[in-house]
Structures are given as structure tokens and as C-alpha cells.
Amino acid sequence: MKGATPSGTASEQEAAHWIRSMFGRIAPRYDLANHVLSLNLDRFWRAYTVKCVRPILRRPGARVLDICCGTGDLMLALQAESTEPAMGSDFCRPMLSGAQRKIEARGLHCPLFESDALRLPLADQSLDLITVAFGFRNFANYEEGLAEMYRVLKPSGAAAILEFSPPGKTLFGALYTFYSRHVLPLIGGLLSGSRDAYSYLPASIGKFPSAEDLAHAMRVAGFRTVEFQPMTGGVVALHIGTK
């Protein structure tokens, strides 16, 4: 459990800079690429995440933050079920600009702020729920990311991490590995104009800890009743831990 290591980077600072720049390049066509490359399953994965955290969203006055919010799809899905405005943060400004356009188009009020998820500008024990969808594996340091999520949660608050997982040694896993290594970079590069981004993204999945290892790391960080639900043949998992 260390963190993302894009090719050519030698430190956490370099990794974070590379990832921020990469997401800035693909931001204009990020949503299209996500929907096409996941065969629209990304919508189902987010909807399932919202369903699992709905009891927290409906707490009176619940404070909710989606980190690495990108263009805001999970944040907006949380907002639809929350008693209070859901917040979003990201360290890539072009992504936040995309989220802001969606908020304005819907006439909503979802506060956004630019921030590294490893150093959130929030007080201790200030949130009821913190979520991250397909952004956790891009953290430069996974342990620091978990510690920061734990820090900002109130007692009985929860962290929900929706993330890709290395596929198991099954026929489906082999097919998925072939797709992610050979098909995804080609199509993603054509859709986004940045093949290096869609070469890094599947490579980062292969380096990411297993669902079991991530659950263990959450427990080490202090979370209790950590549970995870594999989806789509185990290529995606939703982890939820409470403080």
C-alpha cells in the first residue's frame, strides 16, 4: 500500500503533478469516454453506491463530500438523496469546471472546492459521509488518503470507496485484462485525444491492491465494520467503513 506510480515519476509529488495534468487534458471528453468504455455500467455502479449510503444521506443535516469528484456525477447522485447540499472537491480545475456546469444546468447548489484529497481544508470530525469513485487509486499515498478520510469524519460517519480491483484468475478476468490492456487504451485515446492517459488508467488497476487488501488497510486506518461488495465479475468493488 503506497500510491499511484505513473511511468516516469519518482516521487509522490511528481506522481500527483502528472495525474493532475493528465486529468486536465482529458476533462472535456471524460464523461463520454467513461460511458463508452464501461458500456454505461458506471451509471449502475454509482447508483448502487448511493443506495448503500442512503441511510446516512437522509440523516437530518448530514454533511456529505465527494472527493476526486471529477465532473460531478456521483456528487449529483448523492445530492438527489441528501437532506443537505452535497459538496464536491477535486485537485483538477478543468474537472471542477465540468461539475460546475452540470450544477448550474440543474439549478442546484452544490459547493465545490479545489483541494488535494490528502490535505482537505476541513476541520476534524466535520462530515457524516465521504465518498470517492474511481479516484482513490490515483492517490499518491493510499495510507495518507485513508487517514485523511478518517480524520474529517464524525463518529458514526462513513467512508465509501468505489474503485476498480485487479480481476481474479478467471475467464472473465482474463477477458477483462485483455480489454483493459489492448482495447481500452485505443478507444480511450481516440475519444479523449490522450492515449497516454488511457494507458496509465488500466495499468493503475493492475497495480492497485486487491479488495481484501484495501479492506484490511481501512481497518488499520481505524475504520470498523468494513465491508466490501464486488461487482461485475469482481472488476469493481464498493468498500464502506464506519468511524
Protein backbone atom coordinates (compact mmCIF):
# COMPACT_ATOMS: atom_id res chain seq x y z
CA MET A 1 0.00 0.00 0.00
CA LYS A 2 1.87 3.04 -1.25
CA GLY A 3 0.24 5.00 -4.03
CA ALA A 4 -0.11 5.70 -7.73
CA THR A 5 3.11 5.46 -9.74
CA PRO A 6 2.70 6.79 -13.29
CA SER A 7 5.56 5.83 -15.57
CA GLY A 8 8.46 8.29 -15.36
CA THR A 9 7.59 9.66 -11.91
CA ALA A 10 9.99 9.22 -9.00
CA SER A 11 8.17 10.78 -6.05
CA GLU A 12 4.70 11.35 -4.66
CA GLN A 13 4.87 15.00 -5.74
CA GLU A 14 5.75 14.05 -9.32
CA ALA A 15 3.00 11.43 -9.39
CA ALA A 16 0.40 13.93 -8.18
CA HIS A 17 1.53 16.54 -10.73
CA TRP A 18 1.38 14.01 -13.59
CA ILE A 19 -2.09 12.79 -12.60
CA ARG A 20 -3.45 16.33 -12.22
CA SER A 21 -2.13 17.29 -15.67
CA MET A 22 -3.45 14.09 -17.23
CA PHE A 23 -6.98 14.63 -15.94
CA GLY A 24 -6.83 18.23 -17.08
CA ARG A 25 -6.13 17.06 -20.64
CA ILE A 26 -8.99 14.56 -20.77
CA ALA A 27 -11.58 16.61 -18.84
CA PRO A 28 -13.50 17.87 -21.93
CA ARG A 29 -14.39 14.33 -23.06
CA TYR A 30 -14.08 12.50 -19.76
CA ASP A 31 -17.79 11.68 -19.37
CA LEU A 32 -18.13 10.34 -22.92
CA ALA A 33 -15.09 8.12 -22.51
CA ASN A 34 -16.33 6.78 -19.17
CA HIS A 35 -19.76 5.85 -20.50
CA VAL A 36 -18.44 4.24 -23.69
CA LEU A 37 -15.56 2.34 -22.11
CA SER A 38 -17.68 0.98 -19.24
CA LEU A 39 -20.62 0.17 -21.52
CA ASN A 40 -22.62 2.54 -19.29
CA LEU A 41 -22.01 0.33 -16.26
CA ASP A 42 -20.50 3.34 -14.49
CA ARG A 43 -24.06 4.64 -14.02
CA PHE A 44 -25.09 1.40 -12.30
CA TRP A 45 -22.01 1.39 -10.03
CA ARG A 46 -22.72 4.93 -8.85
CA ALA A 47 -26.43 4.22 -8.34
CA TYR A 48 -25.57 1.18 -6.22
CA THR A 49 -23.18 3.27 -4.14
CA VAL A 50 -25.90 5.84 -3.45
CA LYS A 51 -28.32 3.08 -2.48
CA CYS A 52 -25.84 1.70 0.07
CA VAL A 53 -25.22 5.06 1.76
CA ARG A 54 -28.82 6.32 1.59
CA PRO A 55 -29.43 5.97 5.36
CA ILE A 56 -26.58 8.42 6.02
CA LEU A 57 -27.71 10.79 3.28
CA ARG A 58 -31.11 11.05 4.94
CA ARG A 59 -29.82 11.95 8.36
CA PRO A 60 -31.04 15.46 9.28
CA GLY A 61 -28.32 17.96 8.48
CA ALA A 62 -25.98 15.32 7.02
CA ARG A 63 -22.74 16.80 5.66
CA VAL A 64 -21.56 14.91 2.59
CA LEU A 65 -18.41 15.32 0.50
CA ASP A 66 -17.43 13.54 -2.70
CA ILE A 67 -13.65 13.81 -3.13
CA CYS A 68 -11.96 13.42 -6.52
CA CYS A 69 -15.42 14.36 -7.76
CA GLY A 70 -14.33 14.90 -11.35
CA THR A 71 -17.22 16.25 -13.38
CA GLY A 72 -19.63 15.60 -10.52
CA ASP A 73 -21.70 12.56 -11.45
CA LEU A 74 -21.52 10.83 -8.07
CA MET A 75 -21.87 14.11 -6.18
CA LEU A 76 -25.08 14.90 -8.08
CA ALA A 77 -26.42 11.40 -7.46
CA LEU A 78 -25.74 11.85 -3.74
CA GLN A 79 -27.40 15.25 -3.83
CA ALA A 80 -30.61 13.72 -5.19
CA GLU A 81 -30.95 11.67 -1.97
CA SER A 82 -29.41 14.04 0.59
CA THR A 83 -31.16 16.28 3.07
CA GLU A 84 -28.44 18.92 2.56
CA PRO A 85 -26.37 20.13 -0.43
CA ALA A 86 -23.69 17.58 -1.29
CA MET A 87 -20.19 19.01 -1.67
CA GLY A 88 -17.50 18.09 -4.18
CA SER A 89 -13.75 18.54 -4.29
CA ASP A 90 -11.04 17.77 -6.80
CA PHE A 91 -7.47 18.91 -7.38
CA CYS A 92 -8.01 19.30 -11.14
CA ARG A 93 -9.68 22.61 -12.00
CA PRO A 94 -10.90 21.62 -15.50
CA MET A 95 -12.79 18.72 -13.92
CA LEU A 96 -14.39 21.06 -11.38
CA SER A 97 -15.41 23.37 -14.22
CA GLY A 98 -17.29 20.47 -15.79
CA ALA A 99 -19.01 19.74 -12.48
CA GLN A 100 -19.97 23.40 -12.07
CA ARG A 101 -21.64 23.45 -15.48
CA LYS A 102 -23.77 20.43 -14.52
CA ILE A 103 -24.74 22.04 -11.21
CA GLU A 104 -25.82 25.25 -12.93
CA ALA A 105 -27.71 23.38 -15.64
CA ARG A 106 -29.77 21.65 -12.94
CA GLY A 107 -30.31 24.79 -10.87
CA LEU A 108 -28.70 23.20 -7.82
CA HIS A 109 -26.43 24.48 -5.08
CA CYS A 110 -23.59 22.01 -4.56
CA PRO A 111 -20.49 23.70 -3.13
CA LEU A 112 -17.26 22.84 -4.94
CA PHE A 113 -13.69 23.46 -3.88
CA GLU A 114 -10.27 22.72 -5.33
CA SER A 115 -8.19 20.57 -2.99
CA ASP A 116 -5.79 17.66 -2.83
CA ALA A 117 -7.65 14.77 -1.20
CA LEU A 118 -4.61 14.11 1.02
CA ARG A 119 -4.92 17.58 2.58
CA LEU A 120 -8.57 18.57 2.82
CA PRO A 121 -9.29 22.08 4.14
CA LEU A 122 -11.84 20.76 6.62
CA ALA A 123 -11.98 20.51 10.38
CA ASP A 124 -11.66 17.22 12.22
CA GLN A 125 -14.92 15.31 12.59
CA SER A 126 -16.86 17.59 10.26
CA LEU A 127 -18.50 15.13 7.81
CA ASP A 128 -21.14 12.42 8.04
CA LEU A 129 -20.13 10.81 4.75
CA ILE A 130 -17.12 10.99 2.45
CA THR A 131 -17.11 9.22 -0.91
CA VAL A 132 -14.67 8.68 -3.75
CA ALA A 133 -15.46 6.98 -7.06
CA PHE A 134 -12.60 5.72 -9.20
CA GLY A 135 -10.23 8.30 -7.77
CA PHE A 136 -8.73 6.56 -4.78
CA ARG A 137 -6.26 4.51 -6.80
CA ASN A 138 -4.83 7.77 -8.18
CA PHE A 139 -3.80 8.94 -4.70
CA ALA A 140 -0.07 9.44 -4.37
CA ASN A 141 -0.25 7.76 -0.95
CA TYR A 142 -3.10 5.40 -0.06
CA GLU A 143 -2.45 5.29 3.69
CA GLU A 144 -2.43 9.08 3.92
CA GLY A 145 -5.64 9.20 1.93
CA LEU A 146 -7.38 6.82 4.32
CA ALA A 147 -6.07 8.72 7.33
CA GLU A 148 -7.40 11.99 5.92
CA MET A 149 -10.80 10.48 5.20
CA TYR A 150 -10.92 9.12 8.76
CA ARG A 151 -9.86 12.48 10.22
CA VAL A 152 -12.69 14.50 8.69
CA LEU A 153 -15.45 12.03 9.59
CA LYS A 154 -17.64 12.36 12.65
CA PRO A 155 -18.02 9.36 14.93
CA SER A 156 -20.53 7.04 13.20
CA GLY A 157 -19.68 8.70 9.89
CA ALA A 158 -18.76 6.52 6.91
CA ALA A 159 -16.32 6.40 4.03
CA ALA A 160 -17.41 4.80 0.75
CA ILE A 161 -14.74 3.90 -1.81
CA LEU A 162 -15.93 2.78 -5.25
CA GLU A 163 -12.94 1.54 -7.17
CA PHE A 164 -11.68 -0.88 -9.77
CA SER A 165 -10.00 -4.03 -8.49
CA PRO A 166 -7.48 -6.35 -10.13
CA PRO A 167 -9.56 -9.12 -11.74
CA GLY A 168 -9.22 -12.64 -10.43
CA LYS A 169 -7.77 -15.57 -12.34
CA THR A 170 -10.98 -16.48 -14.11
CA LEU A 171 -12.04 -16.49 -17.74
CA PHE A 172 -13.87 -13.20 -17.19
CA GLY A 173 -10.77 -11.79 -15.50
CA ALA A 174 -8.61 -12.80 -18.46
CA LEU A 175 -11.04 -11.22 -20.92
CA TYR A 176 -11.18 -8.03 -18.84
CA THR A 177 -7.39 -7.87 -18.64
CA PHE A 178 -7.12 -8.16 -22.42
CA TYR A 179 -9.76 -5.47 -22.87
CA SER A 180 -8.13 -3.07 -20.41
CA ARG A 181 -4.63 -3.53 -21.80
CA HIS A 182 -5.33 -3.52 -25.52
CA VAL A 183 -8.82 -2.22 -26.35
CA LEU A 184 -9.34 0.43 -23.70
CA PRO A 185 -6.16 2.47 -24.47
CA LEU A 186 -7.03 2.53 -28.16
CA ILE A 187 -10.68 3.58 -27.78
CA GLY A 188 -9.97 5.86 -24.81
CA GLY A 189 -7.18 7.55 -26.72
CA LEU A 190 -9.41 8.15 -29.74
CA LEU A 191 -12.26 9.54 -27.64
CA SER A 192 -10.14 11.73 -25.39
CA GLY A 193 -7.19 12.59 -27.61
CA SER A 194 -4.80 11.33 -24.92
CA ARG A 195 -3.70 7.72 -25.33
CA ASP A 196 -1.15 8.01 -22.52
CA ALA A 197 -3.99 8.71 -20.08
CA TYR A 198 -5.85 5.57 -21.10
CA SER A 199 -2.66 3.54 -20.95
CA TYR A 200 -1.98 4.74 -17.40
CA LEU A 201 -5.53 4.13 -16.14
CA PRO A 202 -5.68 0.36 -16.83
CA ALA A 203 -2.08 -0.03 -15.68
CA SER A 204 -3.03 1.61 -12.39
CA ILE A 205 -5.75 -1.01 -11.88
CA GLY A 206 -3.22 -3.82 -12.21
CA LYS A 207 -1.03 -2.21 -9.54
CA PHE A 208 -3.90 -1.45 -7.16
CA PRO A 209 -4.38 -3.56 -4.01
CA SER A 210 -6.97 -6.31 -4.03
CA ALA A 211 -10.37 -5.68 -2.48
CA GLU A 212 -9.32 -7.73 0.56
CA ASP A 213 -6.10 -5.73 0.98
CA LEU A 214 -7.94 -2.42 0.72
CA ALA A 215 -10.43 -3.57 3.36
CA HIS A 216 -7.51 -4.51 5.63
CA ALA A 217 -5.90 -1.09 5.09
CA MET A 218 -9.16 0.61 6.04
CA ARG A 219 -9.27 -1.36 9.29
CA VAL A 220 -5.66 -0.45 10.03
CA ALA A 221 -6.58 3.22 9.46
CA GLY A 222 -9.20 2.91 12.22
CA PHE A 223 -12.41 2.13 10.33
CA ARG A 224 -14.68 -0.50 11.84
CA THR A 225 -17.32 -2.76 10.28
CA VAL A 226 -15.51 -2.50 6.95
CA GLU A 227 -17.42 -4.33 4.25
CA PHE A 228 -16.97 -4.56 0.52
CA GLN A 229 -19.19 -5.68 -2.33
CA PRO A 230 -17.61 -6.92 -5.58
CA MET A 231 -19.49 -6.07 -8.76
CA THR A 232 -19.32 -7.00 -12.44
CA GLY A 233 -17.26 -10.13 -12.01
CA GLY A 234 -15.08 -8.56 -9.34
CA VAL A 235 -13.56 -5.84 -11.55
CA VAL A 236 -15.20 -3.17 -9.34
CA ALA A 237 -15.71 -3.14 -5.58
CA LEU A 238 -17.53 -0.83 -3.19
CA HIS A 239 -15.90 -0.56 0.24
CA ILE A 240 -17.74 1.04 3.14
CA GLY A 241 -16.19 1.61 6.56
CA THR A 242 -17.59 3.45 9.57
CA LYS A 243 -15.78 5.52 12.16
